[in-house]
Amino acid sequence: MKFHVFVFVGVVHLLSLNSGKAVYGNGISQRTFQEIKEEIACYGDVAKAIINLAVYGKAQNRSYERLALLVDTVGPRLSGSKSLEKAIQIMHQNLQEDGLENVHLEPVKIPHWERGEESAVMLEPRIHKMAVLGLGGSIGTPPEGITAEVLVVTSFDELQRRAPEARGKIVVYNQPYTSYSRAVQYRVQGAVEAAKVGALATLIRSVASFSIYSPHTGIQEYQDGVPKIPTACITVEDAEMMSRMASRGSRIVIQLKMGAKNYPDADSFNTVAEIIGSKYPEQVVLVSGHLDSWDVGQGAMDDGGGAFISWEALSLIKDLGLRPKRTLRLVLWTAEEQGGIGALQYYQLHKEPVYLMTYINISPSITPMETP
């Protein structure tokens, strides 16, 4: 509930931005901080009403229940899949039924990748079937798979120091988890760095602080001019085990099979709805999240949270009969998991100045927007 309250209090702040004085792209306003603080203080009753409705009133748990219904009905919603398009159509209908204004779909082109069948089996020093999840956009292996010796490293620096050992091998990254932002670079860039030194494939320790033998997928990137090699995530437990084996001098051999395929970009939509501003309707405040998820169970619920909380923010304002000074625009991106593709195409289409944006599961790819 704390997260809900944080978002809804943020919406109250949006309602308070009503002086009409200039706000510049560098974030400097002609209004003093004290003026803004005093104005916001006048909205205490409104804030309390929104919080009470969300936490104690008829809207209690509404966002969760709406999301649960979509997830139970549609399931995972991978970019380019029929289930994602079904979810978009359901959401479009929901927003219309909710009575929001200017509800419409905006066409976008999004990646279409399918993982296919995949497996990883340790053959030496013992037989061990490993849990594995291909990373988004990865190429597949040949049908017979890739069978090769493993090189375990803990960092890109170690990979460079041991570059001659990497050629013709499967590189396993057992990077320590200190923070998501530091660890995720191995998932995103790991295949490229390993390919530069002649590796055949990469297996990346899942970017997580702990594991219950559960690999965690995500986006990865290739680089022009660098060979594309298959890349997948393994569990924290298996990465640690192979690190221990390697430290003892054991020879590790893995057979990796991945049926992943990339298809031409698919047609999809961003979903848009508004509450039109009463005084400055041309000034737009974006409230946003994303509808897509990965194709495995881990993403179906959590990756829809931002979209449904964003929808709930507008629903609460409408339920209370409030009309903001500026236009609140709900934008539910598509293909966020593939690099914020829907968000980027929204910006390329509109290129509009934005007075404030709530970042709820939004890719950094849209940071060129003005967000004072």
Protein backbone atom coordinates (compact mmCIF):
# COMPACT_ATOMS: atom_id res chain seq x y z
CA MET A 1 0.00 0.00 0.00
CA LYS A 2 2.87 2.42 0.58
CA PHE A 3 3.65 2.38 -3.11
CA HIS A 4 0.03 3.18 -3.94
CA VAL A 5 0.03 6.11 -1.53
CA PHE A 6 3.27 7.45 -2.98
CA VAL A 7 1.84 7.46 -6.47
CA PHE A 8 -1.45 9.03 -5.48
CA VAL A 9 0.19 11.79 -3.45
CA GLY A 10 2.27 12.46 -6.56
CA VAL A 11 -0.95 12.90 -8.50
CA VAL A 12 -2.13 15.49 -5.98
CA HIS A 13 1.07 17.40 -6.71
CA LEU A 14 0.15 17.34 -10.40
CA LEU A 15 -3.21 18.87 -9.59
CA SER A 16 -1.48 21.70 -7.78
CA LEU A 17 0.68 22.89 -10.68
CA ASN A 18 -1.76 25.58 -11.72
CA SER A 19 -0.05 28.98 -11.70
CA GLY A 20 0.54 29.02 -15.45
CA LYS A 21 3.96 30.62 -15.00
CA ALA A 22 6.73 29.46 -17.26
CA VAL A 23 8.56 26.22 -16.54
CA TYR A 24 11.75 25.89 -18.57
CA GLY A 25 13.43 22.78 -19.99
CA ASN A 26 16.30 23.07 -17.51
CA GLY A 27 13.84 22.75 -14.62
CA ILE A 28 14.04 26.41 -13.53
CA SER A 29 10.70 28.01 -12.77
CA GLN A 30 9.85 31.67 -12.26
CA ARG A 31 7.99 30.62 -9.11
CA THR A 32 9.90 30.30 -5.87
CA PHE A 33 10.03 27.06 -3.96
CA GLN A 34 8.13 28.71 -1.12
CA GLU A 35 5.30 29.71 -3.48
CA ILE A 36 5.00 26.16 -4.76
CA LYS A 37 5.17 24.75 -1.23
CA GLU A 38 2.39 27.04 -0.04
CA GLU A 39 0.19 26.18 -3.01
CA ILE A 40 0.66 22.45 -2.52
CA ALA A 41 -0.24 22.81 1.15
CA CYS A 42 -3.70 24.03 0.08
CA TYR A 43 -4.44 20.60 -1.39
CA GLY A 44 -4.32 18.69 1.88
CA ASP A 45 -8.00 17.83 1.80
CA VAL A 46 -7.76 16.62 -1.80
CA ALA A 47 -4.75 14.48 -0.95
CA LYS A 48 -6.58 12.98 2.02
CA ALA A 49 -9.63 12.20 -0.12
CA ILE A 50 -7.54 10.41 -2.76
CA ILE A 51 -5.62 8.43 -0.15
CA ASN A 52 -8.78 7.44 1.70
CA LEU A 53 -10.46 6.29 -1.50
CA ALA A 54 -7.40 4.26 -2.52
CA VAL A 55 -6.58 2.75 0.86
CA TYR A 56 -9.89 2.49 2.71
CA GLY A 57 -12.68 3.20 0.21
CA LYS A 58 -14.28 1.39 -2.71
CA ALA A 59 -11.02 1.55 -4.68
CA GLN A 60 -9.13 -0.49 -2.09
CA ASN A 61 -7.12 -3.18 -3.93
CA ARG A 62 -8.92 -2.29 -7.17
CA SER A 63 -5.75 -1.93 -9.20
CA TYR A 64 -4.47 -5.30 -8.01
CA GLU A 65 -7.78 -6.99 -8.78
CA ARG A 66 -7.88 -5.48 -12.26
CA LEU A 67 -4.33 -6.65 -12.95
CA ALA A 68 -5.05 -10.11 -11.57
CA LEU A 69 -8.02 -10.44 -13.90
CA LEU A 70 -5.91 -9.51 -16.94
CA VAL A 71 -3.07 -11.82 -15.96
CA ASP A 72 -5.39 -14.73 -15.24
CA THR A 73 -7.20 -14.17 -18.55
CA VAL A 74 -4.29 -13.38 -20.87
CA GLY A 75 -1.12 -14.57 -19.13
CA PRO A 76 2.40 -13.46 -20.14
CA ARG A 77 2.50 -10.74 -22.79
CA LEU A 78 5.73 -10.87 -24.78
CA SER A 79 6.41 -8.27 -27.45
CA GLY A 80 5.04 -9.46 -30.79
CA SER A 81 2.75 -12.08 -29.24
CA LYS A 82 -0.98 -12.53 -29.71
CA SER A 83 -1.46 -12.41 -25.94
CA LEU A 84 0.02 -8.90 -25.78
CA GLU A 85 -2.31 -7.68 -28.50
CA LYS A 86 -5.26 -9.25 -26.69
CA ALA A 87 -4.22 -7.43 -23.50
CA ILE A 88 -4.01 -4.12 -25.37
CA GLN A 89 -7.53 -4.55 -26.75
CA ILE A 90 -8.86 -5.44 -23.29
CA MET A 91 -7.19 -2.37 -21.77
CA HIS A 92 -8.56 -0.14 -24.54
CA GLN A 93 -12.06 -1.35 -23.72
CA ASN A 94 -11.47 -0.94 -19.98
CA LEU A 95 -10.43 2.70 -20.37
CA GLN A 96 -13.50 3.45 -22.45
CA GLU A 97 -15.76 1.80 -19.88
CA ASP A 98 -14.01 3.78 -17.15
CA GLY A 99 -15.23 6.98 -18.81
CA LEU A 100 -11.82 8.48 -19.55
CA GLU A 101 -11.49 10.92 -22.44
CA ASN A 102 -9.78 10.64 -25.83
CA VAL A 103 -9.24 6.91 -25.43
CA HIS A 104 -7.37 5.66 -28.49
CA LEU A 105 -4.61 3.40 -29.80
CA GLU A 106 -1.45 4.69 -31.49
CA PRO A 107 0.28 2.26 -33.91
CA VAL A 108 3.89 1.26 -33.26
CA LYS A 109 6.30 -1.37 -34.61
CA ILE A 110 7.79 -3.69 -32.00
CA PRO A 111 10.29 -6.58 -31.90
CA HIS A 112 9.04 -10.13 -32.32
CA TRP A 113 11.28 -12.74 -30.69
CA GLU A 114 10.41 -16.26 -29.60
CA ARG A 115 12.61 -18.35 -27.32
CA GLY A 116 11.69 -21.83 -28.53
CA GLU A 117 12.97 -24.94 -26.75
CA GLU A 118 16.12 -24.49 -24.69
CA SER A 119 18.34 -26.54 -22.40
CA ALA A 120 21.74 -26.50 -20.76
CA VAL A 121 23.40 -29.69 -19.52
CA MET A 122 26.72 -29.93 -17.73
CA LEU A 123 28.60 -32.95 -19.09
CA GLU A 124 31.81 -32.59 -17.08
CA PRO A 125 32.87 -32.91 -14.30
CA ARG A 126 29.45 -34.51 -13.73
CA ILE A 127 26.08 -34.73 -15.44
CA HIS A 128 23.82 -31.93 -14.29
CA LYS A 129 20.74 -30.54 -16.04
CA MET A 130 20.70 -26.79 -15.47
CA ALA A 131 17.78 -24.34 -15.34
CA VAL A 132 18.23 -21.82 -18.15
CA LEU A 133 16.33 -18.93 -19.76
CA GLY A 134 17.40 -17.37 -23.04
CA LEU A 135 17.85 -13.61 -23.00
CA GLY A 136 15.51 -11.46 -25.08
CA GLY A 137 16.62 -11.10 -28.69
CA SER A 138 19.29 -13.80 -28.45
CA ILE A 139 20.03 -15.88 -31.49
CA GLY A 140 19.62 -19.62 -31.24
CA THR A 141 22.20 -22.36 -31.39
CA PRO A 142 22.54 -24.88 -34.22
CA PRO A 143 20.01 -27.73 -33.84
CA GLU A 144 22.68 -29.97 -32.34
CA GLY A 145 23.55 -27.26 -29.85
CA ILE A 146 26.94 -25.95 -28.76
CA THR A 147 29.12 -28.26 -26.70
CA ALA A 148 32.18 -26.55 -25.28
CA GLU A 149 34.41 -26.06 -22.29
CA VAL A 150 33.50 -23.28 -19.87
CA LEU A 151 35.48 -20.24 -18.78
CA VAL A 152 34.14 -18.71 -15.57
CA VAL A 153 34.83 -14.99 -14.95
CA THR A 154 33.55 -12.50 -12.41
CA SER A 155 33.99 -9.28 -14.42
CA PHE A 156 34.73 -7.81 -17.83
CA ASP A 157 38.21 -6.95 -16.59
CA GLU A 158 38.88 -10.60 -15.79
CA LEU A 159 37.53 -11.58 -19.20
CA GLN A 160 40.02 -9.23 -20.87
CA ARG A 161 42.91 -10.55 -18.78
CA ARG A 162 42.01 -14.10 -19.74
CA ALA A 163 41.01 -13.35 -23.33
CA PRO A 164 43.26 -16.03 -24.87
CA GLU A 165 41.47 -18.67 -22.75
CA ALA A 166 38.01 -17.58 -23.94
CA ARG A 167 38.31 -18.47 -27.62
CA GLY A 168 36.08 -21.40 -28.53
CA LYS A 169 34.53 -21.61 -25.07
CA ILE A 170 31.26 -20.80 -23.32
CA VAL A 171 31.85 -17.83 -21.04
CA VAL A 172 30.01 -17.99 -17.70
CA TYR A 173 29.66 -14.68 -15.89
CA ASN A 174 29.50 -15.07 -12.12
CA GLN A 175 29.40 -11.35 -11.41
CA PRO A 176 28.83 -10.35 -7.77
CA TYR A 177 25.52 -8.67 -7.03
CA THR A 178 26.17 -5.29 -5.43
CA SER A 179 23.31 -3.44 -7.11
CA TYR A 180 21.00 -4.01 -10.06
CA SER A 181 22.53 -1.18 -12.09
CA ARG A 182 26.02 -2.66 -11.78
CA ALA A 183 25.12 -6.30 -12.26
CA VAL A 184 22.73 -5.81 -15.19
CA GLN A 185 25.55 -4.67 -17.50
CA TYR A 186 26.71 -8.29 -17.69
CA ARG A 187 23.30 -9.35 -18.94
CA VAL A 188 23.04 -6.49 -21.43
CA GLN A 189 26.62 -6.45 -22.74
CA GLY A 190 27.93 -9.87 -21.79
CA ALA A 191 27.45 -11.53 -25.17
CA VAL A 192 29.18 -8.69 -27.03
CA GLU A 193 32.22 -8.64 -24.75
CA ALA A 194 32.56 -12.43 -24.90
CA ALA A 195 32.17 -12.50 -28.67
CA LYS A 196 34.97 -9.95 -29.04
CA VAL A 197 37.40 -12.45 -27.53
CA GLY A 198 36.13 -15.41 -29.58
CA ALA A 199 33.63 -17.09 -27.22
CA LEU A 200 30.94 -19.34 -28.69
CA ALA A 201 28.16 -18.49 -26.21
CA THR A 202 27.56 -16.90 -22.82
CA LEU A 203 25.69 -17.89 -19.67
CA ILE A 204 25.02 -15.04 -17.24
CA ARG A 205 24.34 -15.36 -13.54
CA SER A 206 20.79 -14.08 -13.05
CA VAL A 207 20.70 -10.44 -11.97
CA ALA A 208 19.22 -10.99 -8.53
CA SER A 209 20.29 -10.63 -4.93
CA PHE A 210 19.26 -14.22 -4.14
CA SER A 211 17.74 -17.21 -5.88
CA ILE A 212 15.62 -20.28 -5.24
CA TYR A 213 17.08 -21.98 -8.32
CA SER A 214 15.16 -19.62 -10.59
CA PRO A 215 16.84 -18.03 -13.63
CA HIS A 216 15.70 -14.53 -14.53
CA THR A 217 15.50 -13.38 -18.15
CA GLY A 218 15.75 -9.86 -19.56
CA ILE A 219 16.89 -7.81 -22.52
CA GLN A 220 20.39 -8.07 -23.97
CA GLU A 221 22.03 -6.20 -26.84
CA TYR A 222 24.21 -7.05 -29.80
CA GLN A 223 26.65 -4.63 -31.42
CA ASP A 224 27.24 -3.95 -35.09
CA GLY A 225 30.46 -5.48 -36.31
CA VAL A 226 30.62 -8.01 -33.46
CA PRO A 227 29.56 -11.64 -34.06
CA LYS A 228 26.23 -12.55 -32.49
CA ILE A 229 26.45 -15.47 -30.10
CA PRO A 230 23.71 -17.23 -28.09
CA THR A 231 23.24 -15.90 -24.56
CA ALA A 232 21.10 -17.04 -21.64
CA CYS A 233 20.71 -16.68 -17.89
CA ILE A 234 21.41 -19.41 -15.37
CA THR A 235 20.68 -19.54 -11.65
CA VAL A 236 22.82 -17.93 -8.98
CA GLU A 237 23.36 -21.42 -7.54
CA ASP A 238 24.75 -22.89 -10.78
CA ALA A 239 26.98 -19.87 -11.43
CA GLU A 240 28.44 -20.17 -7.93
CA MET A 241 28.88 -23.93 -8.29
CA MET A 242 30.82 -23.58 -11.54
CA SER A 243 32.94 -20.85 -9.99
CA ARG A 244 33.88 -23.25 -7.19
CA MET A 245 34.62 -26.03 -9.66
CA ALA A 246 36.81 -23.74 -11.74
CA SER A 247 38.73 -22.57 -8.66
CA ARG A 248 39.64 -26.23 -8.01
CA GLY A 249 40.93 -26.63 -11.54
CA SER A 250 38.06 -28.84 -12.71
CA ARG A 251 37.32 -28.98 -16.43
CA ILE A 252 33.70 -27.91 -17.04
CA VAL A 253 31.88 -28.82 -20.27
CA ILE A 254 28.34 -27.71 -21.12
CA GLN A 255 25.98 -28.54 -23.97
CA LEU A 256 23.73 -25.54 -24.70
CA LYS A 257 20.69 -25.76 -26.97
CA MET A 258 18.53 -22.74 -27.79
CA GLY A 259 15.76 -22.60 -30.37
CA ALA A 260 15.41 -18.81 -30.20
CA LYS A 261 14.37 -16.94 -33.34
CA ASN A 262 13.97 -13.28 -34.27
CA TYR A 263 11.15 -12.37 -36.67
CA PRO A 264 10.33 -9.13 -38.54
CA ASP A 265 8.93 -6.34 -36.36
CA ALA A 266 5.26 -6.75 -35.51
CA ASP A 267 2.40 -4.24 -35.51
CA SER A 268 1.23 -3.13 -32.08
CA PHE A 269 -0.14 -0.11 -30.20
CA ASN A 270 0.47 2.29 -27.37
CA THR A 271 -2.76 2.80 -25.41
CA VAL A 272 -3.71 6.39 -24.57
CA ALA A 273 -6.42 8.04 -22.45
CA GLU A 274 -6.84 11.48 -20.87
CA ILE A 275 -8.54 13.69 -18.36
CA ILE A 276 -8.65 17.06 -20.11
CA GLY A 277 -7.31 20.00 -18.13
CA SER A 278 -9.75 22.71 -17.12
CA LYS A 279 -7.43 25.72 -17.43
CA TYR A 280 -4.33 24.70 -19.38
CA PRO A 281 -5.50 21.74 -21.50
CA GLU A 282 -2.61 22.18 -23.93
CA GLN A 283 -0.12 21.49 -21.13
CA VAL A 284 0.28 17.74 -20.73
CA VAL A 285 1.29 15.68 -17.72
CA LEU A 286 2.12 12.08 -18.57
CA VAL A 287 1.23 9.23 -16.24
CA SER A 288 2.58 6.00 -17.62
CA GLY A 289 3.47 2.33 -17.38
CA HIS A 290 3.80 -0.65 -19.72
CA LEU A 291 1.51 -3.54 -20.60
CA ASP A 292 3.99 -6.04 -22.00
CA SER A 293 5.84 -8.67 -20.00
CA TRP A 294 8.25 -11.50 -20.57
CA ASP A 295 6.95 -14.87 -21.72
CA VAL A 296 7.63 -16.64 -18.43
CA GLY A 297 5.67 -16.53 -15.21
CA GLN A 298 7.99 -14.12 -13.42
CA GLY A 299 6.90 -11.15 -15.50
CA ALA A 300 3.17 -11.61 -15.91
CA MET A 301 2.12 -9.90 -12.68
CA ASP A 302 4.92 -7.53 -11.71
CA ASP A 303 5.47 -6.16 -15.19
CA GLY A 304 1.85 -5.04 -15.40
CA GLY A 305 1.91 -3.20 -12.09
CA GLY A 306 3.05 0.15 -13.44
CA ALA A 307 0.35 0.23 -16.10
CA PHE A 308 -2.46 -0.60 -13.69
CA ILE A 309 -1.31 1.79 -10.97
CA SER A 310 -1.08 4.53 -13.59
CA TRP A 311 -4.62 3.74 -14.74
CA GLU A 312 -5.73 3.73 -11.11
CA ALA A 313 -4.27 7.22 -10.62
CA LEU A 314 -6.58 8.65 -13.26
CA SER A 315 -9.50 6.54 -12.08
CA LEU A 316 -9.24 7.93 -8.54
CA ILE A 317 -9.26 11.51 -9.81
CA LYS A 318 -12.28 10.77 -11.97
CA ASP A 319 -14.12 8.92 -9.18
CA LEU A 320 -13.79 11.98 -6.93
CA GLY A 321 -15.05 14.32 -9.62
CA LEU A 322 -11.76 16.23 -9.75
CA ARG A 323 -10.66 18.10 -12.86
CA PRO A 324 -6.94 19.00 -12.99
CA LYS A 325 -5.80 22.35 -14.37
CA ARG A 326 -3.54 20.57 -16.86
CA THR A 327 -4.35 17.56 -19.01
CA LEU A 328 -3.46 14.22 -17.46
CA ARG A 329 -2.51 11.78 -20.19
CA LEU A 330 -2.25 8.08 -19.49
CA VAL A 331 0.16 6.38 -21.90
CA LEU A 332 0.56 2.62 -21.63
CA TRP A 333 3.65 1.74 -23.64
CA THR A 334 4.25 -1.51 -25.42
CA ALA A 335 7.56 -3.41 -25.80
CA GLU A 336 9.14 -1.75 -22.76
CA GLU A 337 10.93 -4.99 -21.94
CA GLN A 338 12.65 -4.89 -25.34
CA GLY A 339 14.24 -1.51 -24.62
CA GLY A 340 11.33 0.90 -24.22
CA ILE A 341 10.41 0.65 -27.91
CA GLY A 342 6.85 1.90 -27.47
CA ALA A 343 7.96 4.80 -25.27
CA LEU A 344 10.60 5.87 -27.77
CA GLN A 345 8.15 5.77 -30.67
CA TYR A 346 5.64 7.78 -28.64
CA TYR A 347 8.24 10.49 -28.16
CA GLN A 348 9.30 10.39 -31.81
CA LEU A 349 5.66 10.84 -32.84
CA HIS A 350 4.69 13.64 -30.45
CA LYS A 351 7.94 15.44 -29.52
CA GLU A 352 5.89 17.48 -27.08
CA PRO A 353 7.15 19.34 -24.02
CA VAL A 354 6.12 17.52 -20.87
CA TYR A 355 5.74 19.25 -17.53
CA LEU A 356 6.12 16.20 -15.35
CA MET A 357 6.30 12.48 -15.87
CA THR A 358 5.79 9.70 -13.37
CA TYR A 359 8.40 7.06 -14.14
CA ILE A 360 6.73 3.75 -13.43
CA ASN A 361 8.58 0.96 -15.25
CA ILE A 362 9.68 3.36 -18.00
CA SER A 363 12.82 2.79 -20.02
CA PRO A 364 15.62 5.39 -19.89
CA SER A 365 15.34 5.59 -23.68
CA ILE A 366 12.78 8.41 -23.33
CA THR A 367 14.98 10.72 -21.27
CA PRO A 368 15.29 13.30 -24.11
CA MET A 369 11.80 14.46 -23.08
CA GLU A 370 11.63 17.68 -21.08
CA THR A 371 10.77 16.61 -17.56
CA PRO A 372 11.08 19.58 -15.21
